[in-house]
Amino acid sequence: MSCPSEVANLYRAVIEDVIGSIRDDFINMGVDEQVLLDLQENWERKLIDTKVLNYNRYKDLFISTRSLSASQTDPGEDAQRTPLHEDRIHSQTQTLYEESLGSDLDDTDEGEVLKTANVLICQYEKVTRVKNKWKAQLKTASTCIEGVDFLFGKLNAEFEWK
């Protein structure tokens, strides 16, 4: 894999394989074919922008799909549609992102949790109980006791509830 052309061919094969495997799913969901072409174009552009591939050397390999997709549509229509299409995708993505941010969050519970003086946050490995005695094996624990923070890699604890 030391040859740059082999790397470029590998990237090209991966991109074509992924796009080919999701094409049927996109068509079944009613997504336009242009969305797949835009996805492929953006993926190739990101490879070139991040300088994983040299643009001047591999532009023929990666630009070929763009020229094919442009020849299938009107040249004037493609030039006019691309910015509008990208804006529409961006606005749809932004709307989905905004909806997911605040959909199930409720800030009223946060204040109640932190009103206690002593807090223990941890992951547990094992917890056992016999009557009112509890034994716990905790890992990666962080606790605040009387204003002092403690960190533990492993912690064994015994509790008795009365």
Protein backbone atom coordinates (compact mmCIF):
# COMPACT_ATOMS: atom_id res chain seq x y z
CA MET A 1 0.00 0.00 0.00
CA SER A 2 2.95 2.33 -0.23
CA CYS A 3 2.05 3.55 -3.72
CA PRO A 4 -0.18 6.65 -3.59
CA SER A 5 -2.20 5.49 -6.60
CA GLU A 6 -3.07 2.28 -4.75
CA VAL A 7 -4.28 4.34 -1.79
CA ALA A 8 -6.39 6.50 -4.09
CA ASN A 9 -7.86 3.41 -5.74
CA LEU A 10 -8.65 1.96 -2.32
CA TYR A 11 -10.45 5.15 -1.24
CA ARG A 12 -12.35 5.13 -4.53
CA ALA A 13 -13.37 1.48 -4.06
CA VAL A 14 -14.56 2.12 -0.48
CA ILE A 15 -16.61 5.14 -1.55
CA GLU A 16 -18.21 3.26 -4.44
CA ASP A 17 -18.93 0.25 -2.23
CA VAL A 18 -20.63 2.33 0.47
CA ILE A 19 -22.66 4.39 -2.01
CA GLY A 20 -23.64 1.23 -3.89
CA SER A 21 -24.73 -0.58 -0.75
CA ILE A 22 -26.96 2.25 0.50
CA ARG A 23 -28.42 3.17 -2.91
CA ASP A 24 -31.33 0.68 -2.66
CA ASP A 25 -32.19 1.79 0.88
CA PHE A 26 -32.24 5.43 -0.19
CA ILE A 27 -34.44 4.66 -3.20
CA ASN A 28 -36.84 2.62 -1.03
CA MET A 29 -37.13 5.54 1.41
CA GLY A 30 -37.90 7.92 -1.45
CA VAL A 31 -34.66 9.89 -1.28
CA ASP A 32 -33.60 11.52 -4.54
CA GLU A 33 -30.61 10.05 -6.42
CA GLN A 34 -29.02 13.50 -6.37
CA VAL A 35 -28.57 13.23 -2.60
CA LEU A 36 -26.35 10.17 -3.09
CA LEU A 37 -24.34 11.96 -5.75
CA ASP A 38 -23.92 14.95 -3.44
CA LEU A 39 -22.83 12.64 -0.62
CA GLN A 40 -20.24 11.01 -2.85
CA GLU A 41 -19.02 14.39 -4.11
CA ASN A 42 -18.71 15.77 -0.57
CA TRP A 43 -16.86 12.66 0.58
CA GLU A 44 -14.37 12.96 -2.27
CA ARG A 45 -13.99 16.69 -1.67
CA LYS A 46 -13.25 16.06 2.03
CA LEU A 47 -10.50 13.59 1.09
CA ILE A 48 -8.92 16.21 -1.13
CA ASP A 49 -9.48 19.10 1.34
CA THR A 50 -7.84 17.20 4.19
CA LYS A 51 -4.88 16.54 1.87
CA VAL A 52 -5.19 12.80 2.23
CA LEU A 53 -4.99 12.81 -1.55
CA ASN A 54 -3.20 15.28 -3.81
CA TYR A 55 -5.87 17.14 -5.82
CA ASN A 56 -3.75 17.71 -8.93
CA ARG A 57 -2.70 14.08 -9.15
CA TYR A 58 -6.05 12.39 -8.44
CA LYS A 59 -8.62 14.88 -9.72
CA ASP A 60 -9.33 12.73 -12.79
CA LEU A 61 -10.05 9.69 -10.62
CA PHE A 62 -12.36 11.47 -8.21
CA ILE A 63 -13.91 14.12 -10.46
CA SER A 64 -15.12 11.57 -13.02
CA THR A 65 -18.36 10.89 -11.14
CA ARG A 66 -19.07 14.59 -10.87
CA SER A 67 -18.70 15.07 -14.62
CA LEU A 68 -21.00 12.09 -15.23
CA SER A 69 -23.65 13.45 -12.91
CA ALA A 70 -23.37 16.91 -14.44
CA SER A 71 -23.76 15.53 -17.97
CA GLN A 72 -27.00 13.80 -16.98
CA THR A 73 -28.66 17.11 -16.08
CA ASP A 74 -28.87 20.50 -17.74
CA PRO A 75 -25.59 22.41 -17.31
CA GLY A 76 -27.44 25.60 -16.39
CA GLU A 77 -29.77 23.77 -14.05
CA ASP A 78 -26.87 22.12 -12.19
CA ALA A 79 -25.14 25.44 -11.61
CA GLN A 80 -28.34 26.98 -10.27
CA ARG A 81 -29.48 23.98 -8.20
CA THR A 82 -26.31 23.20 -6.30
CA PRO A 83 -26.25 26.19 -3.89
CA LEU A 84 -30.00 25.99 -3.29
CA HIS A 85 -29.84 22.24 -2.80
CA GLU A 86 -26.97 22.58 -0.32
CA ASP A 87 -28.85 25.31 1.57
CA ARG A 88 -31.94 23.09 1.75
CA ILE A 89 -29.90 20.16 3.10
CA HIS A 90 -28.16 22.45 5.62
CA SER A 91 -31.47 23.88 6.86
CA GLN A 92 -33.01 20.40 7.18
CA THR A 93 -29.98 19.17 9.11
CA GLN A 94 -30.03 22.23 11.36
CA THR A 95 -33.75 21.76 12.06
CA LEU A 96 -33.23 18.11 13.03
CA TYR A 97 -30.31 19.07 15.26
CA GLU A 98 -32.29 21.82 17.01
CA GLU A 99 -35.23 19.49 17.64
CA SER A 100 -33.05 16.82 19.18
CA LEU A 101 -31.31 19.24 21.54
CA GLY A 102 -34.25 20.29 23.66
CA SER A 103 -36.81 17.59 23.01
CA ASP A 104 -36.46 15.59 26.23
CA LEU A 105 -34.41 17.78 28.53
CA ASP A 106 -35.84 19.21 31.71
CA ASP A 107 -33.63 21.47 33.83
CA THR A 108 -35.77 21.31 36.97
CA ASP A 109 -34.26 18.01 38.19
CA GLU A 110 -30.63 19.16 38.08
CA GLY A 111 -30.85 21.48 41.08
CA GLU A 112 -32.38 18.85 43.33
CA VAL A 113 -29.56 16.33 42.80
CA LEU A 114 -26.77 18.73 43.78
CA LYS A 115 -28.36 20.03 47.01
CA THR A 116 -26.85 17.22 49.08
CA ALA A 117 -23.59 17.75 50.95
CA ASN A 118 -22.06 14.36 50.12
CA VAL A 119 -22.17 12.99 46.56
CA LEU A 120 -20.83 9.69 45.17
CA ILE A 121 -20.66 9.10 41.43
CA CYS A 122 -19.33 5.72 40.31
CA GLN A 123 -19.68 2.56 38.25
CA TYR A 124 -20.44 -0.63 40.11
CA GLU A 125 -19.10 -4.13 39.55
CA LYS A 126 -21.16 -6.02 42.14
CA VAL A 127 -23.81 -5.19 44.74
CA THR A 128 -25.11 -7.71 47.28
CA ARG A 129 -27.68 -7.43 50.07
CA VAL A 130 -28.41 -9.56 53.13
CA LYS A 131 -31.33 -8.19 55.15
CA ASN A 132 -30.36 -4.58 55.88
CA LYS A 133 -26.62 -4.93 55.09
CA TRP A 134 -25.37 -3.98 51.65
CA LYS A 135 -21.93 -4.67 50.14
CA ALA A 136 -20.79 -2.94 46.98
CA GLN A 137 -17.74 -3.25 44.77
CA LEU A 138 -17.33 0.04 42.94
CA LYS A 139 -14.89 1.15 40.27
CA THR A 140 -13.86 4.56 38.96
CA ALA A 141 -15.57 6.43 41.76
CA SER A 142 -15.60 10.15 42.40
CA THR A 143 -17.00 11.47 45.65
CA CYS A 144 -17.33 14.77 47.46
CA ILE A 145 -17.43 14.42 51.24
CA GLU A 146 -17.70 17.60 53.32
CA GLY A 147 -16.37 19.70 50.46
CA VAL A 148 -13.31 17.50 49.75
CA ASP A 149 -13.14 15.59 46.44
CA PHE A 150 -11.85 12.01 46.36
CA LEU A 151 -11.15 9.80 43.33
CA PHE A 152 -10.97 6.01 43.54
CA GLY A 153 -9.94 3.41 41.00
CA LYS A 154 -11.57 0.65 43.04
CA LEU A 155 -13.70 0.89 46.17
CA ASN A 156 -15.30 -1.73 48.44
CA ALA A 157 -18.10 -0.43 50.63
CA GLU A 158 -20.44 -1.85 53.28
CA PHE A 159 -23.70 -0.15 54.27
CA GLU A 160 -26.16 -0.87 57.03
CA TRP A 161 -29.64 0.64 56.70
CA LYS A 162 -31.62 1.08 59.92
